[in-house]
Amino acid sequence: MDEQTKIELEAAAFRRLQQHLMQDRSEVQNIDMMNLAGFCRNCLSRWYQEAAAERGIELSKDEARETFYGMPYDAWKAEFQTEATPEQRAAFEKTHKD
């Protein structure tokens, strides 16, 4: 496989993951993703921002989140995010001690 095709396939897989997390499974909370997988939507938006910075492209945290979430982060939170339960917080503290 040539490098350009590999890049295009990786980009397509990323877009599908983004769609899955933003549209198909918006009910899944970021804290649950962090507790189970060690990353969440915010991590993905930060990685996007870091990749842009590596290429000399300035992208603020808010711009990166809006790009990933497809809307301002505060709007997404208001529509989809719920308050973390004590159990979710305890699991987060247990798995993220650093």
N, C-alpha and C. Protein backbone atom coordinates (compact mmCIF):
# COMPACT_ATOMS: atom_id res chain seq x y z
N MET A 1 0.86 -1.18 0.00
CA MET A 1 0.00 0.00 0.00
C MET A 1 0.90 1.23 0.00
N ASP A 2 0.57 2.18 -0.84
CA ASP A 2 1.37 3.40 -0.87
C ASP A 2 1.00 4.32 0.29
N GLU A 3 1.89 5.25 0.61
CA GLU A 3 1.73 6.12 1.78
C GLU A 3 0.48 6.98 1.71
N GLN A 4 0.15 7.53 0.55
CA GLN A 4 -1.03 8.38 0.40
C GLN A 4 -2.30 7.60 0.68
N THR A 5 -2.38 6.38 0.16
CA THR A 5 -3.56 5.54 0.42
C THR A 5 -3.67 5.23 1.90
N LYS A 6 -2.55 4.92 2.54
CA LYS A 6 -2.55 4.66 3.99
C LYS A 6 -3.08 5.86 4.75
N ILE A 7 -2.61 7.05 4.41
CA ILE A 7 -3.08 8.28 5.07
C ILE A 7 -4.58 8.47 4.86
N GLU A 8 -5.05 8.24 3.66
CA GLU A 8 -6.48 8.40 3.36
C GLU A 8 -7.33 7.39 4.13
N LEU A 9 -6.85 6.16 4.27
CA LEU A 9 -7.58 5.16 5.04
C LEU A 9 -7.60 5.51 6.52
N GLU A 10 -6.47 5.98 7.04
CA GLU A 10 -6.42 6.40 8.43
C GLU A 10 -7.36 7.57 8.69
N ALA A 11 -7.39 8.52 7.78
CA ALA A 11 -8.29 9.67 7.91
C ALA A 11 -9.75 9.22 7.88
N ALA A 12 -10.06 8.27 7.00
CA ALA A 12 -11.43 7.76 6.90
C ALA A 12 -11.83 7.04 8.20
N ALA A 13 -10.90 6.27 8.76
CA ALA A 13 -11.18 5.58 10.02
C ALA A 13 -11.40 6.60 11.15
N PHE A 14 -10.60 7.66 11.18
CA PHE A 14 -10.77 8.70 12.18
C PHE A 14 -12.13 9.37 12.04
N ARG A 15 -12.51 9.70 10.81
CA ARG A 15 -13.82 10.33 10.59
C ARG A 15 -14.95 9.42 11.04
N ARG A 16 -14.81 8.12 10.82
CA ARG A 16 -15.84 7.17 11.23
C ARG A 16 -15.91 7.08 12.75
N LEU A 17 -14.75 7.08 13.41
CA LEU A 17 -14.72 7.09 14.88
C LEU A 17 -15.39 8.36 15.40
N GLN A 18 -15.07 9.48 14.80
CA GLN A 18 -15.67 10.75 15.19
C GLN A 18 -17.19 10.69 15.04
N GLN A 19 -17.68 10.22 13.92
CA GLN A 19 -19.12 10.11 13.70
C GLN A 19 -19.76 9.17 14.73
N HIS A 20 -19.09 8.06 14.99
CA HIS A 20 -19.61 7.09 15.95
C HIS A 20 -19.77 7.72 17.33
N LEU A 21 -18.74 8.45 17.77
CA LEU A 21 -18.77 9.04 19.11
C LEU A 21 -19.69 10.25 19.20
N MET A 22 -19.82 11.00 18.11
CA MET A 22 -20.60 12.24 18.17
C MET A 22 -22.06 12.04 17.80
N GLN A 23 -22.35 11.14 16.90
CA GLN A 23 -23.72 10.98 16.42
C GLN A 23 -24.34 9.66 16.88
N ASP A 24 -23.62 8.57 16.69
CA ASP A 24 -24.19 7.26 16.96
C ASP A 24 -24.24 6.93 18.45
N ARG A 25 -23.25 7.41 19.22
CA ARG A 25 -23.16 7.06 20.64
C ARG A 25 -22.95 8.29 21.52
N SER A 26 -23.68 9.34 21.23
CA SER A 26 -23.52 10.58 22.01
C SER A 26 -23.95 10.39 23.46
N GLU A 27 -24.69 9.32 23.76
CA GLU A 27 -25.13 9.08 25.14
C GLU A 27 -23.99 8.56 26.02
N VAL A 28 -22.93 8.07 25.41
CA VAL A 28 -21.78 7.59 26.18
C VAL A 28 -21.04 8.79 26.73
N GLN A 29 -20.87 8.81 28.03
CA GLN A 29 -20.26 9.95 28.69
C GLN A 29 -18.73 9.88 28.60
N ASN A 30 -18.10 11.06 28.52
CA ASN A 30 -16.64 11.12 28.45
C ASN A 30 -16.00 10.43 29.65
N ILE A 31 -16.57 10.60 30.84
CA ILE A 31 -15.97 9.99 32.02
C ILE A 31 -15.99 8.47 31.92
N ASP A 32 -17.04 7.92 31.32
CA ASP A 32 -17.09 6.47 31.12
C ASP A 32 -16.02 6.01 30.14
N MET A 33 -15.81 6.79 29.09
CA MET A 33 -14.76 6.47 28.14
C MET A 33 -13.39 6.52 28.83
N MET A 34 -13.17 7.55 29.65
CA MET A 34 -11.91 7.66 30.38
C MET A 34 -11.72 6.48 31.32
N ASN A 35 -12.78 6.10 32.02
CA ASN A 35 -12.68 5.00 32.97
C ASN A 35 -12.41 3.66 32.29
N LEU A 36 -12.99 3.46 31.13
CA LEU A 36 -12.85 2.17 30.44
C LEU A 36 -11.68 2.13 29.46
N ALA A 37 -11.44 3.22 28.76
CA ALA A 37 -10.46 3.19 27.67
C ALA A 37 -9.25 4.10 27.91
N GLY A 38 -9.34 4.99 28.87
CA GLY A 38 -8.22 5.88 29.15
C GLY A 38 -8.14 7.09 28.23
N PHE A 39 -9.16 7.31 27.42
CA PHE A 39 -9.24 8.50 26.57
C PHE A 39 -10.70 8.82 26.34
N CYS A 40 -10.94 10.06 25.89
CA CYS A 40 -12.32 10.48 25.62
C CYS A 40 -12.33 11.42 24.43
N ARG A 41 -13.48 11.99 24.16
CA ARG A 41 -13.61 12.93 23.04
C ARG A 41 -12.67 14.12 23.19
N ASN A 42 -12.52 14.60 24.42
CA ASN A 42 -11.62 15.75 24.65
C ASN A 42 -10.18 15.37 24.33
N CYS A 43 -9.79 14.15 24.64
CA CYS A 43 -8.44 13.68 24.29
C CYS A 43 -8.27 13.70 22.78
N LEU A 44 -9.26 13.20 22.07
CA LEU A 44 -9.18 13.17 20.61
C LEU A 44 -9.07 14.58 20.04
N SER A 45 -9.82 15.52 20.61
CA SER A 45 -9.72 16.90 20.11
C SER A 45 -8.35 17.50 20.44
N ARG A 46 -7.80 17.13 21.59
CA ARG A 46 -6.46 17.61 21.95
C ARG A 46 -5.40 17.01 21.02
N TRP A 47 -5.54 15.74 20.69
CA TRP A 47 -4.59 15.10 19.77
C TRP A 47 -4.68 15.76 18.39
N TYR A 48 -5.87 16.15 18.01
CA TYR A 48 -6.07 16.87 16.74
C TYR A 48 -5.32 18.21 16.80
N GLN A 49 -5.47 18.91 17.91
CA GLN A 49 -4.79 20.19 18.10
C GLN A 49 -3.27 20.00 18.09
N GLU A 50 -2.79 18.97 18.74
CA GLU A 50 -1.36 18.70 18.76
C GLU A 50 -0.83 18.37 17.37
N ALA A 51 -1.59 17.60 16.59
CA ALA A 51 -1.17 17.27 15.22
C ALA A 51 -1.10 18.53 14.38
N ALA A 52 -2.05 19.44 14.58
CA ALA A 52 -2.02 20.71 13.85
C ALA A 52 -0.77 21.50 14.24
N ALA A 53 -0.47 21.56 15.53
CA ALA A 53 0.70 22.31 16.01
C ALA A 53 1.99 21.74 15.42
N GLU A 54 2.06 20.43 15.30
CA GLU A 54 3.25 19.80 14.71
C GLU A 54 3.47 20.25 13.27
N ARG A 55 2.42 20.69 12.63
CA ARG A 55 2.50 21.17 11.24
C ARG A 55 2.51 22.69 11.15
N GLY A 56 2.67 23.35 12.31
CA GLY A 56 2.75 24.80 12.33
C GLY A 56 1.40 25.50 12.21
N ILE A 57 0.32 24.77 12.49
CA ILE A 57 -1.03 25.34 12.40
C ILE A 57 -1.51 25.64 13.81
N GLU A 58 -1.80 26.92 14.06
CA GLU A 58 -2.32 27.31 15.37
C GLU A 58 -3.80 27.00 15.45
N LEU A 59 -4.15 26.28 16.49
CA LEU A 59 -5.55 25.90 16.71
C LEU A 59 -5.75 25.94 18.22
N SER A 60 -6.67 26.77 18.68
CA SER A 60 -6.91 26.86 20.12
C SER A 60 -7.63 25.60 20.60
N LYS A 61 -7.63 25.42 21.90
CA LYS A 61 -8.35 24.29 22.51
C LYS A 61 -9.82 24.32 22.09
N ASP A 62 -10.44 25.50 22.16
CA ASP A 62 -11.85 25.63 21.79
C ASP A 62 -12.08 25.33 20.30
N GLU A 63 -11.17 25.80 19.45
CA GLU A 63 -11.29 25.53 18.01
C GLU A 63 -11.16 24.04 17.72
N ALA A 64 -10.22 23.39 18.39
CA ALA A 64 -10.04 21.95 18.19
C ALA A 64 -11.26 21.18 18.67
N ARG A 65 -11.80 21.57 19.81
CA ARG A 65 -13.00 20.89 20.31
C ARG A 65 -14.19 21.11 19.38
N GLU A 66 -14.36 22.33 18.90
CA GLU A 66 -15.47 22.59 17.99
C GLU A 66 -15.32 21.80 16.70
N THR A 67 -14.09 21.68 16.22
CA THR A 67 -13.85 20.88 15.02
C THR A 67 -14.23 19.43 15.27
N PHE A 68 -13.81 18.88 16.42
CA PHE A 68 -14.10 17.48 16.70
C PHE A 68 -15.57 17.25 17.03
N TYR A 69 -16.14 18.10 17.89
CA TYR A 69 -17.52 17.91 18.33
C TYR A 69 -18.54 18.32 17.27
N GLY A 70 -18.12 19.14 16.32
CA GLY A 70 -19.05 19.59 15.29
C GLY A 70 -19.94 20.73 15.75
N MET A 71 -19.65 21.27 16.90
CA MET A 71 -20.39 22.39 17.50
C MET A 71 -19.56 22.89 18.66
N PRO A 72 -19.86 24.09 19.16
CA PRO A 72 -19.12 24.55 20.33
C PRO A 72 -19.24 23.53 21.47
N TYR A 73 -18.14 23.33 22.17
CA TYR A 73 -18.10 22.33 23.23
C TYR A 73 -19.18 22.57 24.29
N ASP A 74 -19.38 23.82 24.68
CA ASP A 74 -20.41 24.12 25.69
C ASP A 74 -21.80 23.70 25.22
N ALA A 75 -22.08 23.87 23.93
CA ALA A 75 -23.38 23.44 23.39
C ALA A 75 -23.49 21.92 23.44
N TRP A 76 -22.42 21.21 23.10
CA TRP A 76 -22.45 19.75 23.16
C TRP A 76 -22.66 19.28 24.59
N LYS A 77 -21.93 19.88 25.53
CA LYS A 77 -22.07 19.51 26.94
C LYS A 77 -23.50 19.72 27.41
N ALA A 78 -24.09 20.85 27.05
CA ALA A 78 -25.45 21.16 27.49
C ALA A 78 -26.46 20.15 26.94
N GLU A 79 -26.22 19.69 25.73
CA GLU A 79 -27.17 18.77 25.10
C GLU A 79 -26.95 17.31 25.50
N PHE A 80 -25.71 16.89 25.69
CA PHE A 80 -25.43 15.47 25.84
C PHE A 80 -24.77 15.03 27.14
N GLN A 81 -24.06 15.92 27.81
CA GLN A 81 -23.30 15.50 28.98
C GLN A 81 -24.14 15.58 30.24
N THR A 82 -24.01 14.57 31.05
CA THR A 82 -24.70 14.55 32.34
C THR A 82 -23.67 14.70 33.46
N GLU A 83 -24.14 15.04 34.63
CA GLU A 83 -23.26 15.15 35.79
C GLU A 83 -22.73 13.76 36.14
N ALA A 84 -21.45 13.67 36.43
CA ALA A 84 -20.85 12.39 36.80
C ALA A 84 -21.42 11.92 38.13
N THR A 85 -21.68 10.63 38.20
CA THR A 85 -22.18 10.04 39.45
C THR A 85 -21.01 9.84 40.41
N PRO A 86 -21.33 9.66 41.69
CA PRO A 86 -20.24 9.37 42.64
C PRO A 86 -19.45 8.11 42.24
N GLU A 87 -20.14 7.12 41.68
CA GLU A 87 -19.47 5.90 41.24
C GLU A 87 -18.51 6.17 40.07
N GLN A 88 -18.95 7.00 39.13
CA GLN A 88 -18.09 7.36 38.00
C GLN A 88 -16.86 8.13 38.49
N ARG A 89 -17.08 9.07 39.40
CA ARG A 89 -15.96 9.84 39.93
C ARG A 89 -14.97 8.95 40.68
N ALA A 90 -15.50 8.01 41.48
CA ALA A 90 -14.63 7.10 42.23
C ALA A 90 -13.81 6.23 41.28
N ALA A 91 -14.44 5.73 40.23
CA ALA A 91 -13.72 4.92 39.24
C ALA A 91 -12.65 5.75 38.56
N PHE A 92 -12.96 7.01 38.25
CA PHE A 92 -11.97 7.89 37.62
C PHE A 92 -10.78 8.11 38.54
N GLU A 93 -11.06 8.40 39.80
CA GLU A 93 -9.98 8.62 40.77
C GLU A 93 -9.11 7.37 40.93
N LYS A 94 -9.73 6.21 40.89
CA LYS A 94 -9.00 4.95 41.05
C LYS A 94 -8.07 4.68 39.87
N THR A 95 -8.54 5.00 38.66
CA THR A 95 -7.75 4.68 37.46
C THR A 95 -6.84 5.82 37.02
N HIS A 96 -7.04 7.01 37.54
CA HIS A 96 -6.23 8.17 37.13
C HIS A 96 -5.62 8.85 38.35
N LYS A 97 -4.78 8.14 39.03
CA LYS A 97 -4.18 8.66 40.26
C LYS A 97 -3.11 9.71 40.01
N ASP A 98 -2.54 9.74 38.81
CA ASP A 98 -1.46 10.69 38.51
C ASP A 98 -1.95 12.08 38.31
